Amino acid sequence: MAEDRGSSFLGGLLIGVFVGFVVGVLYAPRSGEETREILTEKAKEFGEETREIITEKAKEFGEKTKDFVEETKSKGRNLLTGKGVEIQEEETPKKS
């Protein structure tokens, strides 16, 4: 009996989606070409906005990581020098 309800619901849902799609296409105020142009433009805008947000978040993450590493390095140095361990500075190669 539960399977009948699930099948009925799924069938009704699919019919509803199909009817909605047909009504939407029939009453669309623009031609298909205009709609595709608008969708393409919106997709490009979305892509640019997404790229900007990801770039900004990546920079923030990089700065936070750099700060964390420097803080951890400082704490480690303080811990070791407090125990009388001599630390030699090693120059880190920089990427260009």
PDB file of N, CA and C in Angstrom:
ATOM      1  N   MET A   1       0.822  -1.191   0.000  1.00  0.00           N
ATOM      2  CA  MET A   1       0.000   0.000   0.000  1.00  0.00           C
ATOM      3  C   MET A   1       0.869   1.260   0.000  1.00  0.00           C
ATOM      4  N   ALA A   2       1.987   1.206   0.741  1.00  0.00           N
ATOM      5  CA  ALA A   2       2.888   2.346   0.763  1.00  0.00           C
ATOM      6  C   ALA A   2       3.526   2.541  -0.605  1.00  0.00           C
ATOM      7  N   GLU A   3       3.783   1.431  -1.305  1.00  0.00           N
ATOM      8  CA  GLU A   3       4.359   1.533  -2.640  1.00  0.00           C
ATOM      9  C   GLU A   3       3.390   2.209  -3.593  1.00  0.00           C
ATOM     10  N   ASP A   4       2.085   1.977  -3.444  1.00  0.00           N
ATOM     11  CA  ASP A   4       1.089   2.618  -4.298  1.00  0.00           C
ATOM     12  C   ASP A   4       1.105   4.122  -4.100  1.00  0.00           C
ATOM     13  N   ARG A   5       1.227   4.557  -2.847  1.00  0.00           N
ATOM     14  CA  ARG A   5       1.270   6.003  -2.567  1.00  0.00           C
ATOM     15  C   ARG A   5       2.520   6.630  -3.172  1.00  0.00           C
ATOM     16  N   GLY A   6       3.660   5.945  -3.027  1.00  0.00           N
ATOM     17  CA  GLY A   6       4.908   6.454  -3.584  1.00  0.00           C
ATOM     18  C   GLY A   6       4.848   6.541  -5.097  1.00  0.00           C
ATOM     19  N   SER A   7       4.281   5.527  -5.731  1.00  0.00           N
ATOM     20  CA  SER A   7       4.156   5.524  -7.189  1.00  0.00           C
ATOM     21  C   SER A   7       3.211   6.614  -7.649  1.00  0.00           C
ATOM     22  N   SER A   8       2.107   6.783  -6.929  1.00  0.00           N
ATOM     23  CA  SER A   8       1.127   7.816  -7.284  1.00  0.00           C
ATOM     24  C   SER A   8       1.748   9.197  -7.141  1.00  0.00           C
ATOM     25  N   PHE A   9       2.482   9.391  -6.042  1.00  0.00           N
ATOM     26  CA  PHE A   9       3.105  10.696  -5.815  1.00  0.00           C
ATOM     27  C   PHE A   9       4.129  10.989  -6.900  1.00  0.00           C
ATOM     28  N   LEU A  10       4.979  10.009  -7.206  1.00  0.00           N
ATOM     29  CA  LEU A  10       6.002  10.184  -8.226  1.00  0.00           C
ATOM     30  C   LEU A  10       5.367  10.453  -9.590  1.00  0.00           C
ATOM     31  N   GLY A  11       4.326   9.705  -9.919  1.00  0.00           N
ATOM     32  CA  GLY A  11       3.635   9.919 -11.191  1.00  0.00           C
ATOM     33  C   GLY A  11       3.030  11.313 -11.254  1.00  0.00           C
ATOM     34  N   GLY A  12       2.403  11.730 -10.176  1.00  0.00           N
ATOM     35  CA  GLY A  12       1.817  13.081 -10.132  1.00  0.00           C
ATOM     36  C   GLY A  12       2.874  14.161 -10.225  1.00  0.00           C
ATOM     37  N   LEU A  13       3.989  13.928  -9.566  1.00  0.00           N
ATOM     38  CA  LEU A  13       5.088  14.895  -9.616  1.00  0.00           C
ATOM     39  C   LEU A  13       5.620  15.038 -11.034  1.00  0.00           C
ATOM     40  N   LEU A  14       5.844  13.920 -11.702  1.00  0.00           N
ATOM     41  CA  LEU A  14       6.353  13.964 -13.079  1.00  0.00           C
ATOM     42  C   LEU A  14       5.369  14.638 -14.023  1.00  0.00           C
ATOM     43  N   ILE A  15       4.099  14.354 -13.860  1.00  0.00           N
ATOM     44  CA  ILE A  15       3.077  15.003 -14.695  1.00  0.00           C
ATOM     45  C   ILE A  15       3.061  16.499 -14.425  1.00  0.00           C
ATOM     46  N   GLY A  16       3.168  16.880 -13.151  1.00  0.00           N
ATOM     47  CA  GLY A  16       3.193  18.300 -12.790  1.00  0.00           C
ATOM     48  C   GLY A  16       4.378  19.033 -13.382  1.00  0.00           C
ATOM     49  N   VAL A  17       5.536  18.398 -13.329  1.00  0.00           N
ATOM     50  CA  VAL A  17       6.747  19.005 -13.901  1.00  0.00           C
ATOM     51  C   VAL A  17       6.579  19.172 -15.404  1.00  0.00           C
ATOM     52  N   PHE A  18       6.067  18.151 -16.070  1.00  0.00           N
ATOM     53  CA  PHE A  18       5.883  18.210 -17.511  1.00  0.00           C
ATOM     54  C   PHE A  18       4.886  19.312 -17.889  1.00  0.00           C
ATOM     55  N   VAL A  19       3.747  19.364 -17.205  1.00  0.00           N
ATOM     56  CA  VAL A  19       2.731  20.386 -17.490  1.00  0.00           C
ATOM     57  C   VAL A  19       3.297  21.774 -17.236  1.00  0.00           C
ATOM     58  N   GLY A  20       4.040  21.931 -16.144  1.00  0.00           N
ATOM     59  CA  GLY A  20       4.662  23.232 -15.856  1.00  0.00           C
ATOM     60  C   GLY A  20       5.638  23.650 -16.930  1.00  0.00           C
ATOM     61  N   PHE A  21       6.418  22.697 -17.426  1.00  0.00           N
ATOM     62  CA  PHE A  21       7.378  22.993 -18.480  1.00  0.00           C
ATOM     63  C   PHE A  21       6.659  23.435 -19.757  1.00  0.00           C
ATOM     64  N   VAL A  22       5.624  22.693 -20.140  1.00  0.00           N
ATOM     65  CA  VAL A  22       4.879  23.018 -21.362  1.00  0.00           C
ATOM     66  C   VAL A  22       4.228  24.389 -21.242  1.00  0.00           C
ATOM     67  N   VAL A  23       3.591  24.669 -20.120  1.00  0.00           N
ATOM     68  CA  VAL A  23       2.948  25.976 -19.928  1.00  0.00           C
ATOM     69  C   VAL A  23       3.991  27.087 -19.953  1.00  0.00           C
ATOM     70  N   GLY A  24       5.142  26.845 -19.328  1.00  0.00           N
ATOM     71  CA  GLY A  24       6.205  27.847 -19.324  1.00  0.00           C
ATOM     72  C   GLY A  24       6.712  28.147 -20.718  1.00  0.00           C
ATOM     73  N   VAL A  25       6.891  27.121 -21.529  1.00  0.00           N
ATOM     74  CA  VAL A  25       7.375  27.316 -22.901  1.00  0.00           C
ATOM     75  C   VAL A  25       6.323  28.037 -23.737  1.00  0.00           C
ATOM     76  N   LEU A  26       5.069  27.658 -23.572  1.00  0.00           N
ATOM     77  CA  LEU A  26       4.009  28.273 -24.370  1.00  0.00           C
ATOM     78  C   LEU A  26       3.797  29.753 -24.029  1.00  0.00           C
ATOM     79  N   TYR A  27       4.004  30.111 -22.794  1.00  0.00           N
ATOM     80  CA  TYR A  27       3.758  31.490 -22.376  1.00  0.00           C
ATOM     81  C   TYR A  27       5.034  32.314 -22.216  1.00  0.00           C
ATOM     82  N   ALA A  28       6.163  31.813 -22.667  1.00  0.00           N
ATOM     83  CA  ALA A  28       7.413  32.554 -22.560  1.00  0.00           C
ATOM     84  C   ALA A  28       7.337  33.815 -23.410  1.00  0.00           C
ATOM     85  N   PRO A  29       7.671  34.970 -22.828  1.00  0.00           N
ATOM     86  CA  PRO A  29       7.567  36.235 -23.565  1.00  0.00           C
ATOM     87  C   PRO A  29       8.702  36.451 -24.566  1.00  0.00           C
ATOM     88  N   ARG A  30       9.705  35.607 -24.567  1.00  0.00           N
ATOM     89  CA  ARG A  30      10.847  35.781 -25.469  1.00  0.00           C
ATOM     90  C   ARG A  30      10.988  34.565 -26.370  1.00  0.00           C
ATOM     91  N   SER A  31      11.726  34.800 -27.446  1.00  0.00           N
ATOM     92  CA  SER A  31      12.026  33.672 -28.328  1.00  0.00           C
ATOM     93  C   SER A  31      13.105  32.808 -27.680  1.00  0.00           C
ATOM     94  N   GLY A  32      13.281  31.636 -28.204  1.00  0.00           N
ATOM     95  CA  GLY A  32      14.296  30.731 -27.677  1.00  0.00           C
ATOM     96  C   GLY A  32      15.688  31.320 -27.771  1.00  0.00           C
ATOM     97  N   GLU A  33      15.970  32.015 -28.858  1.00  0.00           N
ATOM     98  CA  GLU A  33      17.291  32.617 -29.044  1.00  0.00           C
ATOM     99  C   GLU A  33      17.540  33.699 -27.994  1.00  0.00           C
ATOM    100  N   GLU A  34      16.549  34.534 -27.741  1.00  0.00           N
ATOM    101  CA  GLU A  34      16.691  35.580 -26.723  1.00  0.00           C
ATOM    102  C   GLU A  34      16.903  34.957 -25.340  1.00  0.00           C
ATOM    103  N   THR A  35      16.158  33.919 -25.068  1.00  0.00           N
ATOM    104  CA  THR A  35      16.284  33.242 -23.775  1.00  0.00           C
ATOM    105  C   THR A  35      17.673  32.654 -23.612  1.00  0.00           C
ATOM    106  N   ARG A  36      18.200  32.033 -24.670  1.00  0.00           N
ATOM    107  CA  ARG A  36      19.545  31.467 -24.605  1.00  0.00           C
ATOM    108  C   ARG A  36      20.593  32.558 -24.394  1.00  0.00           C
ATOM    109  N   GLU A  37      20.419  33.707 -25.055  1.00  0.00           N
ATOM    110  CA  GLU A  37      21.362  34.814 -24.884  1.00  0.00           C
ATOM    111  C   GLU A  37      21.353  35.314 -23.439  1.00  0.00           C
ATOM    112  N   ILE A  38      20.159  35.443 -22.872  1.00  0.00           N
ATOM    113  CA  ILE A  38      20.042  35.900 -21.492  1.00  0.00           C
ATOM    114  C   ILE A  38      20.676  34.887 -20.548  1.00  0.00           C
ATOM    115  N   LEU A  39      20.395  33.606 -20.770  1.00  0.00           N
ATOM    116  CA  LEU A  39      20.981  32.572 -19.917  1.00  0.00           C
ATOM    117  C   LEU A  39      22.499  32.546 -20.026  1.00  0.00           C
ATOM    118  N   THR A  40      23.021  32.725 -21.238  1.00  0.00           N
ATOM    119  CA  THR A  40      24.470  32.757 -21.444  1.00  0.00           C
ATOM    120  C   THR A  40      25.083  33.934 -20.705  1.00  0.00           C
ATOM    121  N   GLU A  41      24.456  35.095 -20.805  1.00  0.00           N
ATOM    122  CA  GLU A  41      24.951  36.296 -20.132  1.00  0.00           C
ATOM    123  C   GLU A  41      24.943  36.102 -18.609  1.00  0.00           C
ATOM    124  N   LYS A  42      23.849  35.560 -18.092  1.00  0.00           N
ATOM    125  CA  LYS A  42      23.739  35.336 -16.645  1.00  0.00           C
ATOM    126  C   LYS A  42      24.763  34.310 -16.177  1.00  0.00           C
ATOM    127  N   ALA A  43      25.000  33.283 -16.985  1.00  0.00           N
ATOM    128  CA  ALA A  43      25.993  32.263 -16.632  1.00  0.00           C
ATOM    129  C   ALA A  43      27.393  32.878 -16.574  1.00  0.00           C
ATOM    130  N   LYS A  44      27.714  33.767 -17.533  1.00  0.00           N
ATOM    131  CA  LYS A  44      29.014  34.438 -17.522  1.00  0.00           C
ATOM    132  C   LYS A  44      29.151  35.322 -16.287  1.00  0.00           C
ATOM    133  N   GLU A  45      28.092  36.076 -15.960  1.00  0.00           N
ATOM    134  CA  GLU A  45      28.120  36.926 -14.775  1.00  0.00           C
ATOM    135  C   GLU A  45      28.331  36.082 -13.518  1.00  0.00           C
ATOM    136  N   PHE A  46      27.605  34.976 -13.439  1.00  0.00           N
ATOM    137  CA  PHE A  46      27.727  34.088 -12.289  1.00  0.00           C
ATOM    138  C   PHE A  46      29.146  33.549 -12.189  1.00  0.00           C
ATOM    139  N   GLY A  47      29.724  33.166 -13.325  1.00  0.00           N
ATOM    140  CA  GLY A  47      31.089  32.647 -13.344  1.00  0.00           C
ATOM    141  C   GLY A  47      32.095  33.681 -12.875  1.00  0.00           C
ATOM    142  N   GLU A  48      31.943  34.930 -13.334  1.00  0.00           N
ATOM    143  CA  GLU A  48      32.856  35.999 -12.933  1.00  0.00           C
ATOM    144  C   GLU A  48      32.738  36.281 -11.438  1.00  0.00           C
ATOM    145  N   GLU A  49      31.506  36.367 -10.941  1.00  0.00           N
ATOM    146  CA  GLU A  49      31.287  36.621  -9.522  1.00  0.00           C
ATOM    147  C   GLU A  49      31.862  35.483  -8.683  1.00  0.00           C
ATOM    148  N   THR A  50      31.659  34.258  -9.137  1.00  0.00           N
ATOM    149  CA  THR A  50      32.183  33.098  -8.414  1.00  0.00           C
ATOM    150  C   THR A  50      33.702  33.126  -8.383  1.00  0.00           C
ATOM    151  N   ARG A  51      34.313  33.444  -9.517  1.00  0.00           N
ATOM    152  CA  ARG A  51      35.773  33.522  -9.600  1.00  0.00           C
ATOM    153  C   ARG A  51      36.318  34.589  -8.643  1.00  0.00           C
ATOM    154  N   GLU A  52      35.650  35.760  -8.590  1.00  0.00           N
ATOM    155  CA  GLU A  52      36.079  36.829  -7.686  1.00  0.00           C
ATOM    156  C   GLU A  52      35.974  36.397  -6.228  1.00  0.00           C
ATOM    157  N   ILE A  53      34.878  35.755  -5.876  1.00  0.00           N
ATOM    158  CA  ILE A  53      34.681  35.310  -4.493  1.00  0.00           C
ATOM    159  C   ILE A  53      35.721  34.263  -4.123  1.00  0.00           C
ATOM    160  N   ILE A  54      35.968  33.304  -5.017  1.00  0.00           N
ATOM    161  CA  ILE A  54      36.949  32.249  -4.733  1.00  0.00           C
ATOM    162  C   ILE A  54      38.343  32.846  -4.590  1.00  0.00           C
ATOM    163  N   THR A  55      38.689  33.794  -5.452  1.00  0.00           N
ATOM    164  CA  THR A  55      40.001  34.431  -5.377  1.00  0.00           C
ATOM    165  C   THR A  55      40.157  35.168  -4.053  1.00  0.00           C
ATOM    166  N   GLU A  56      39.129  35.911  -3.659  1.00  0.00           N
ATOM    167  CA  GLU A  56      39.166  36.650  -2.395  1.00  0.00           C
ATOM    168  C   GLU A  56      39.301  35.697  -1.206  1.00  0.00           C
ATOM    169  N   LYS A  57      38.519  34.628  -1.204  1.00  0.00           N
ATOM    170  CA  LYS A  57      38.571  33.659  -0.103  1.00  0.00           C
ATOM    171  C   LYS A  57      39.921  32.948  -0.062  1.00  0.00           C
ATOM    172  N   ALA A  58      40.491  32.656  -1.227  1.00  0.00           N
ATOM    173  CA  ALA A  58      41.795  32.002  -1.277  1.00  0.00           C
ATOM    174  C   ALA A  58      42.878  32.917  -0.702  1.00  0.00           C
ATOM    175  N   LYS A  59      42.807  34.205  -1.018  1.00  0.00           N
ATOM    176  CA  LYS A  59      43.778  35.162  -0.468  1.00  0.00           C
ATOM    177  C   LYS A  59      43.637  35.248   1.050  1.00  0.00           C
ATOM    178  N   GLU A  60      42.390  35.324   1.537  1.00  0.00           N
ATOM    179  CA  GLU A  60      42.160  35.367   2.979  1.00  0.00           C
ATOM    180  C   GLU A  60      42.717  34.115   3.644  1.00  0.00           C
ATOM    181  N   PHE A  61      42.448  32.954   3.047  1.00  0.00           N
ATOM    182  CA  PHE A  61      42.932  31.691   3.595  1.00  0.00           C
ATOM    183  C   PHE A  61      44.460  31.673   3.620  1.00  0.00           C
ATOM    184  N   GLY A  62      45.069  32.156   2.546  1.00  0.00           N
ATOM    185  CA  GLY A  62      46.528  32.207   2.472  1.00  0.00           C
ATOM    186  C   GLY A  62      47.121  33.087   3.560  1.00  0.00           C
ATOM    187  N   GLU A  63      46.503  34.243   3.785  1.00  0.00           N
ATOM    188  CA  GLU A  63      46.981  35.151   4.827  1.00  0.00           C
ATOM    189  C   GLU A  63      46.814  34.531   6.214  1.00  0.00           C
ATOM    190  N   LYS A  64      45.673  33.910   6.459  1.00  0.00           N
ATOM    191  CA  LYS A  64      45.443  33.265   7.756  1.00  0.00           C
ATOM    192  C   LYS A  64      46.438  32.128   7.972  1.00  0.00           C
ATOM    193  N   THR A  65      46.706  31.365   6.926  1.00  0.00           N
ATOM    194  CA  THR A  65      47.657  30.260   7.027  1.00  0.00           C
ATOM    195  C   THR A  65      49.056  30.785   7.308  1.00  0.00           C
ATOM    196  N   LYS A  66      49.425  31.847   6.610  1.00  0.00           N
ATOM    197  CA  LYS A  66      50.747  32.443   6.809  1.00  0.00           C
ATOM    198  C   LYS A  66      50.883  32.939   8.247  1.00  0.00           C
ATOM    199  N   ASP A  67      49.843  33.619   8.745  1.00  0.00           N
ATOM    200  CA  ASP A  67      49.872  34.107  10.128  1.00  0.00           C
ATOM    201  C   ASP A  67      49.982  32.950  11.117  1.00  0.00           C
ATOM    202  N   PHE A  68      49.223  31.878  10.866  1.00  0.00           N
ATOM    203  CA  PHE A  68      49.254  30.712  11.750  1.00  0.00           C
ATOM    204  C   PHE A  68      50.645  30.080  11.768  1.00  0.00           C
ATOM    205  N   VAL A  69      51.252  29.946  10.605  1.00  0.00           N
ATOM    206  CA  VAL A  69      52.587  29.342  10.517  1.00  0.00           C
ATOM    207  C   VAL A  69      53.600  30.206  11.261  1.00  0.00           C
ATOM    208  N   GLU A  70      53.530  31.516  11.064  1.00  0.00           N
ATOM    209  CA  GLU A  70      54.464  32.420  11.743  1.00  0.00           C
ATOM    210  C   GLU A  70      54.278  32.356  13.261  1.00  0.00           C
ATOM    211  N   GLU A  71      53.028  32.316  13.699  1.00  0.00           N
ATOM    212  CA  GLU A  71      52.745  32.235  15.131  1.00  0.00           C
ATOM    213  C   GLU A  71      53.252  30.911  15.711  1.00  0.00           C
ATOM    214  N   THR A  72      53.008  29.826  15.014  1.00  0.00           N
ATOM    215  CA  THR A  72      53.457  28.512  15.471  1.00  0.00           C
ATOM    216  C   THR A  72      54.984  28.444  15.495  1.00  0.00           C
ATOM    217  N   LYS A  73      55.601  29.009  14.478  1.00  0.00           N
ATOM    218  CA  LYS A  73      57.062  29.046  14.404  1.00  0.00           C
ATOM    219  C   LYS A  73      57.634  29.833  15.582  1.00  0.00           C
ATOM    220  N   SER A  74      57.017  30.963  15.897  1.00  0.00           N
ATOM    221  CA  SER A  74      57.459  31.804  17.009  1.00  0.00           C
ATOM    222  C   SER A  74      57.298  31.074  18.348  1.00  0.00           C
ATOM    223  N   LYS A  75      56.154  30.409  18.517  1.00  0.00           N
ATOM    224  CA  LYS A  75      55.923  29.667  19.757  1.00  0.00           C
ATOM    225  C   LYS A  75      56.931  28.539  19.904  1.00  0.00           C
ATOM    226  N   GLY A  76      57.205  27.842  18.824  1.00  0.00           N
ATOM    227  CA  GLY A  76      58.183  26.758  18.860  1.00  0.00           C
ATOM    228  C   GLY A  76      59.567  27.272  19.190  1.00  0.00           C
ATOM    229  N   ARG A  77      59.925  28.389  18.584  1.00  0.00           N
ATOM    230  CA  ARG A  77      61.240  28.989  18.840  1.00  0.00           C
ATOM    231  C   ARG A  77      61.352  29.384  20.315  1.00  0.00           C
ATOM    232  N   ASN A  78      60.296  30.012  20.838  1.00  0.00           N
ATOM    233  CA  ASN A  78      60.315  30.428  22.245  1.00  0.00           C
ATOM    234  C   ASN A  78      60.420  29.215  23.171  1.00  0.00           C
ATOM    235  N   LEU A  79      59.729  28.173  22.837  1.00  0.00           N
ATOM    236  CA  LEU A  79      59.759  26.955  23.653  1.00  0.00           C
ATOM    237  C   LEU A  79      61.156  26.344  23.650  1.00  0.00           C
ATOM    238  N   LEU A  80      61.758  26.273  22.469  1.00  0.00           N
ATOM    239  CA  LEU A  80      63.079  25.658  22.368  1.00  0.00           C
ATOM    240  C   LEU A  80      64.168  26.529  22.988  1.00  0.00           C
ATOM    241  N   THR A  81      64.110  27.822  22.774  1.00  0.00           N
ATOM    242  CA  THR A  81      65.146  28.694  23.352  1.00  0.00           C
ATOM    243  C   THR A  81      65.017  28.742  24.864  1.00  0.00           C
ATOM    244  N   GLY A  82      63.827  28.581  25.378  1.00  0.00           N
ATOM    245  CA  GLY A  82      63.639  28.534  26.825  1.00  0.00           C
ATOM    246  C   GLY A  82      64.275  27.304  27.428  1.00  0.00           C
ATOM    247  N   LYS A  83      64.499  26.271  26.633  1.00  0.00           N
ATOM    248  CA  LYS A  83      65.127  25.035  27.118  1.00  0.00           C
ATOM    249  C   LYS A  83      66.613  25.011  26.773  1.00  0.00           C
ATOM    250  N   GLY A  84      67.139  26.138  26.303  1.00  0.00           N
ATOM    251  CA  GLY A  84      68.565  26.233  26.017  1.00  0.00           C
ATOM    252  C   GLY A  84      68.978  25.625  24.694  1.00  0.00           C
ATOM    253  N   VAL A  85      68.051  25.441  23.767  1.00  0.00           N
ATOM    254  CA  VAL A  85      68.375  24.882  22.461  1.00  0.00           C
ATOM    255  C   VAL A  85      68.688  26.027  21.514  1.00  0.00           C
ATOM    256  N   GLU A  86      69.809  25.914  20.816  1.00  0.00           N
ATOM    257  CA  GLU A  86      70.179  26.954  19.855  1.00  0.00           C
ATOM    258  C   GLU A  86      69.507  26.662  18.515  1.00  0.00           C
ATOM    259  N   ILE A  87      68.921  27.686  17.937  1.00  0.00           N
ATOM    260  CA  ILE A  87      68.185  27.526  16.677  1.00  0.00           C
ATOM    261  C   ILE A  87      68.942  28.252  15.581  1.00  0.00           C
ATOM    262  N   GLN A  88      69.165  27.559  14.482  1.00  0.00           N
ATOM    263  CA  GLN A  88      69.793  28.193  13.332  1.00  0.00           C
ATOM    264  C   GLN A  88      68.712  28.553  12.336  1.00  0.00           C
ATOM    265  N   GLU A  89      68.733  29.766  11.857  1.00  0.00           N
ATOM    266  CA  GLU A  89      67.758  30.215  10.865  1.00  0.00           C
ATOM    267  C   GLU A  89      68.084  29.601   9.525  1.00  0.00           C
ATOM    268  N   GLU A  90      67.095  29.068   8.904  1.00  0.00           N
ATOM    269  CA  GLU A  90      67.245  28.484   7.575  1.00  0.00           C
ATOM    270  C   GLU A  90      66.444  29.344   6.616  1.00  0.00           C
ATOM    271  N   GLU A  91      67.068  29.787   5.571  1.00  0.00           N
ATOM    272  CA  GLU A  91      66.377  30.639   4.618  1.00  0.00           C
ATOM    273  C   GLU A  91      65.442  29.799   3.758  1.00  0.00           C
ATOM    274  N   THR A  92      64.227  30.243   3.675  1.00  0.00           N
ATOM    275  CA  THR A  92      63.219  29.542   2.875  1.00  0.00           C
ATOM    276  C   THR A  92      63.283  30.027   1.442  1.00  0.00           C
ATOM    277  N   PRO A  93      63.385  29.122   0.473  1.00  0.00           N
ATOM    278  CA  PRO A  93      63.387  29.551  -0.935  1.00  0.00           C
ATOM    279  C   PRO A  93      62.054  30.185  -1.287  1.00  0.00           C
ATOM    280  N   LYS A  94      62.126  31.279  -2.013  1.00  0.00           N
ATOM    281  CA  LYS A  94      60.891  31.959  -2.423  1.00  0.00           C
ATOM    282  C   LYS A  94      60.527  31.570  -3.831  1.00  0.00           C
ATOM    283  N   LYS A  95      59.234  31.367  -4.028  1.00  0.00           N
ATOM    284  CA  LYS A  95      58.735  31.028  -5.358  1.00  0.00           C
ATOM    285  C   LYS A  95      58.517  32.327  -6.120  1.00  0.00           C
ATOM    286  N   SER A  96      58.819  32.304  -7.406  1.00  0.00           N
ATOM    287  CA  SER A  96      58.587  33.502  -8.205  1.00  0.00           C
ATOM    288  C   SER A  96      57.458  33.300  -9.157  1.00  0.00           C
TER     289      SER A  96
END
